Amino acid sequence: MTPPTCRFHPTCSSYGLEAFQKHGALKGFILTITRISKCHPFHPGGFDPVPEKWPSKKN
């Protein structure tokens, strides 16, 4: 077995499940894809929870 290598907490799979549960299929899908797009060697990772409310645009 290899040690966990995910740079985020919670892992992307846990994040995706929680996003779908909190925000439904469409918004959960968008949040999950956005999170997965951050998974590359140049992103520092760290703690990145699912937002409680849908992110709104800032004016």
N, C-alpha and C. Protein backbone atom coordinates (compact mmCIF):
# COMPACT_ATOMS: atom_id res chain seq x y z
N MET A 1 0.84 -1.18 0.00
CA MET A 1 0.00 0.00 0.00
C MET A 1 0.88 1.25 0.00
N THR A 2 0.36 2.27 -0.60
CA THR A 2 1.08 3.54 -0.62
C THR A 2 0.39 4.51 0.34
N PRO A 3 1.13 5.45 0.87
CA PRO A 3 0.52 6.43 1.78
C PRO A 3 -0.40 7.37 1.00
N PRO A 4 -1.35 8.00 1.69
CA PRO A 4 -2.23 8.96 1.02
C PRO A 4 -1.41 10.09 0.41
N THR A 5 -1.77 10.52 -0.78
CA THR A 5 -1.01 11.56 -1.46
C THR A 5 -1.84 12.79 -1.77
N CYS A 6 -3.08 12.83 -1.34
CA CYS A 6 -3.93 13.99 -1.62
C CYS A 6 -3.39 15.20 -0.86
N ARG A 7 -3.30 16.33 -1.54
CA ARG A 7 -2.76 17.53 -0.92
C ARG A 7 -3.83 18.36 -0.21
N PHE A 8 -5.08 17.91 -0.28
CA PHE A 8 -6.19 18.65 0.33
C PHE A 8 -6.81 17.87 1.48
N HIS A 9 -7.44 18.59 2.37
CA HIS A 9 -8.28 17.99 3.41
C HIS A 9 -9.59 18.75 3.40
N PRO A 10 -10.72 18.14 3.23
CA PRO A 10 -10.93 16.72 2.98
C PRO A 10 -10.47 16.32 1.58
N THR A 11 -10.31 15.01 1.36
CA THR A 11 -9.89 14.54 0.04
C THR A 11 -10.92 14.94 -1.00
N CYS A 12 -10.55 14.90 -2.26
CA CYS A 12 -11.47 15.31 -3.34
C CYS A 12 -12.72 14.44 -3.38
N SER A 13 -12.58 13.15 -3.12
CA SER A 13 -13.76 12.28 -3.14
C SER A 13 -14.71 12.62 -2.00
N SER A 14 -14.18 12.88 -0.81
CA SER A 14 -15.02 13.28 0.32
C SER A 14 -15.65 14.64 0.06
N TYR A 15 -14.87 15.54 -0.51
CA TYR A 15 -15.36 16.88 -0.86
C TYR A 15 -16.53 16.75 -1.84
N GLY A 16 -16.37 15.92 -2.87
CA GLY A 16 -17.42 15.73 -3.86
C GLY A 16 -18.70 15.20 -3.25
N LEU A 17 -18.59 14.19 -2.41
CA LEU A 17 -19.78 13.64 -1.75
C LEU A 17 -20.50 14.70 -0.92
N GLU A 18 -19.74 15.44 -0.15
CA GLU A 18 -20.33 16.48 0.69
C GLU A 18 -20.94 17.60 -0.14
N ALA A 19 -20.29 17.98 -1.24
CA ALA A 19 -20.81 19.03 -2.11
C ALA A 19 -22.15 18.63 -2.71
N PHE A 20 -22.26 17.37 -3.16
CA PHE A 20 -23.53 16.88 -3.72
C PHE A 20 -24.61 16.84 -2.65
N GLN A 21 -24.27 16.45 -1.42
CA GLN A 21 -25.25 16.38 -0.34
C GLN A 21 -25.74 17.76 0.07
N LYS A 22 -24.84 18.73 0.14
CA LYS A 22 -25.21 20.07 0.60
C LYS A 22 -25.87 20.92 -0.48
N HIS A 23 -25.42 20.77 -1.75
CA HIS A 23 -25.82 21.72 -2.79
C HIS A 23 -26.57 21.09 -3.95
N GLY A 24 -26.79 19.79 -3.95
CA GLY A 24 -27.51 19.14 -5.04
C GLY A 24 -26.58 18.77 -6.19
N ALA A 25 -27.19 18.19 -7.24
CA ALA A 25 -26.40 17.62 -8.33
C ALA A 25 -25.63 18.67 -9.14
N LEU A 26 -26.30 19.70 -9.60
CA LEU A 26 -25.64 20.66 -10.49
C LEU A 26 -24.56 21.47 -9.77
N LYS A 27 -24.93 22.08 -8.65
CA LYS A 27 -23.95 22.89 -7.92
C LYS A 27 -22.85 22.01 -7.32
N GLY A 28 -23.23 20.82 -6.86
CA GLY A 28 -22.23 19.89 -6.33
C GLY A 28 -21.23 19.49 -7.39
N PHE A 29 -21.72 19.27 -8.62
CA PHE A 29 -20.83 18.93 -9.74
C PHE A 29 -19.87 20.07 -10.03
N ILE A 30 -20.39 21.29 -10.08
CA ILE A 30 -19.55 22.46 -10.36
C ILE A 30 -18.48 22.64 -9.29
N LEU A 31 -18.88 22.53 -8.02
CA LEU A 31 -17.91 22.67 -6.93
C LEU A 31 -16.84 21.57 -6.99
N THR A 32 -17.26 20.35 -7.30
CA THR A 32 -16.32 19.23 -7.36
C THR A 32 -15.33 19.41 -8.51
N ILE A 33 -15.80 19.81 -9.68
CA ILE A 33 -14.91 20.03 -10.82
C ILE A 33 -13.93 21.17 -10.52
N THR A 34 -14.43 22.22 -9.86
CA THR A 34 -13.55 23.34 -9.49
C THR A 34 -12.46 22.86 -8.54
N ARG A 35 -12.83 22.03 -7.58
CA ARG A 35 -11.86 21.49 -6.63
C ARG A 35 -10.83 20.61 -7.32
N ILE A 36 -11.29 19.71 -8.19
CA ILE A 36 -10.37 18.80 -8.89
C ILE A 36 -9.41 19.58 -9.78
N SER A 37 -9.88 20.70 -10.33
CA SER A 37 -9.01 21.51 -11.19
C SER A 37 -7.86 22.15 -10.41
N LYS A 38 -7.97 22.21 -9.10
CA LYS A 38 -6.90 22.75 -8.26
C LYS A 38 -5.83 21.71 -7.94
N CYS A 39 -6.08 20.47 -8.31
CA CYS A 39 -5.18 19.37 -7.95
C CYS A 39 -4.04 19.28 -8.97
N HIS A 40 -2.98 20.02 -8.70
CA HIS A 40 -1.79 19.99 -9.53
C HIS A 40 -0.59 20.37 -8.66
N PRO A 41 0.61 20.12 -9.11
CA PRO A 41 1.79 20.33 -8.27
C PRO A 41 2.06 21.77 -7.87
N PHE A 42 1.44 22.74 -8.55
CA PHE A 42 1.71 24.14 -8.25
C PHE A 42 0.73 24.75 -7.25
N HIS A 43 -0.28 23.99 -6.84
CA HIS A 43 -1.23 24.47 -5.83
C HIS A 43 -0.79 23.94 -4.47
N PRO A 44 -0.77 24.79 -3.45
CA PRO A 44 -0.27 24.34 -2.15
C PRO A 44 -1.17 23.35 -1.43
N GLY A 45 -2.47 23.29 -1.78
CA GLY A 45 -3.37 22.38 -1.09
C GLY A 45 -3.77 22.94 0.26
N GLY A 46 -4.01 22.05 1.22
CA GLY A 46 -4.38 22.47 2.56
C GLY A 46 -5.85 22.22 2.85
N PHE A 47 -6.37 22.92 3.84
CA PHE A 47 -7.76 22.75 4.27
C PHE A 47 -8.67 23.54 3.32
N ASP A 48 -9.60 22.84 2.67
CA ASP A 48 -10.49 23.45 1.69
C ASP A 48 -11.87 22.82 1.84
N PRO A 49 -12.68 23.28 2.80
CA PRO A 49 -13.99 22.66 3.03
C PRO A 49 -15.02 23.08 1.98
N VAL A 50 -16.09 22.32 1.90
CA VAL A 50 -17.23 22.68 1.04
C VAL A 50 -17.90 23.90 1.67
N PRO A 51 -18.18 24.94 0.87
CA PRO A 51 -18.83 26.12 1.44
C PRO A 51 -20.24 25.79 1.94
N GLU A 52 -20.65 26.42 3.03
CA GLU A 52 -22.00 26.20 3.57
C GLU A 52 -23.06 26.77 2.63
N LYS A 53 -22.76 27.92 2.04
CA LYS A 53 -23.68 28.56 1.09
C LYS A 53 -23.00 28.61 -0.27
N TRP A 54 -23.81 28.66 -1.32
CA TRP A 54 -23.30 28.75 -2.68
C TRP A 54 -22.49 30.03 -2.80
N PRO A 55 -21.26 29.97 -3.30
CA PRO A 55 -20.43 31.18 -3.43
C PRO A 55 -21.11 32.22 -4.32
N SER A 56 -21.20 33.44 -3.84
CA SER A 56 -21.83 34.51 -4.63
C SER A 56 -20.74 35.38 -5.24
N LYS A 57 -21.13 36.05 -6.33
CA LYS A 57 -20.18 36.97 -6.97
C LYS A 57 -20.00 38.20 -6.11
N LYS A 58 -18.77 38.66 -6.03
CA LYS A 58 -18.49 39.89 -5.29
C LYS A 58 -18.46 41.04 -6.27
N ASN A 59 -19.10 42.13 -5.91
CA ASN A 59 -19.15 43.30 -6.80
C ASN A 59 -17.97 44.18 -6.60
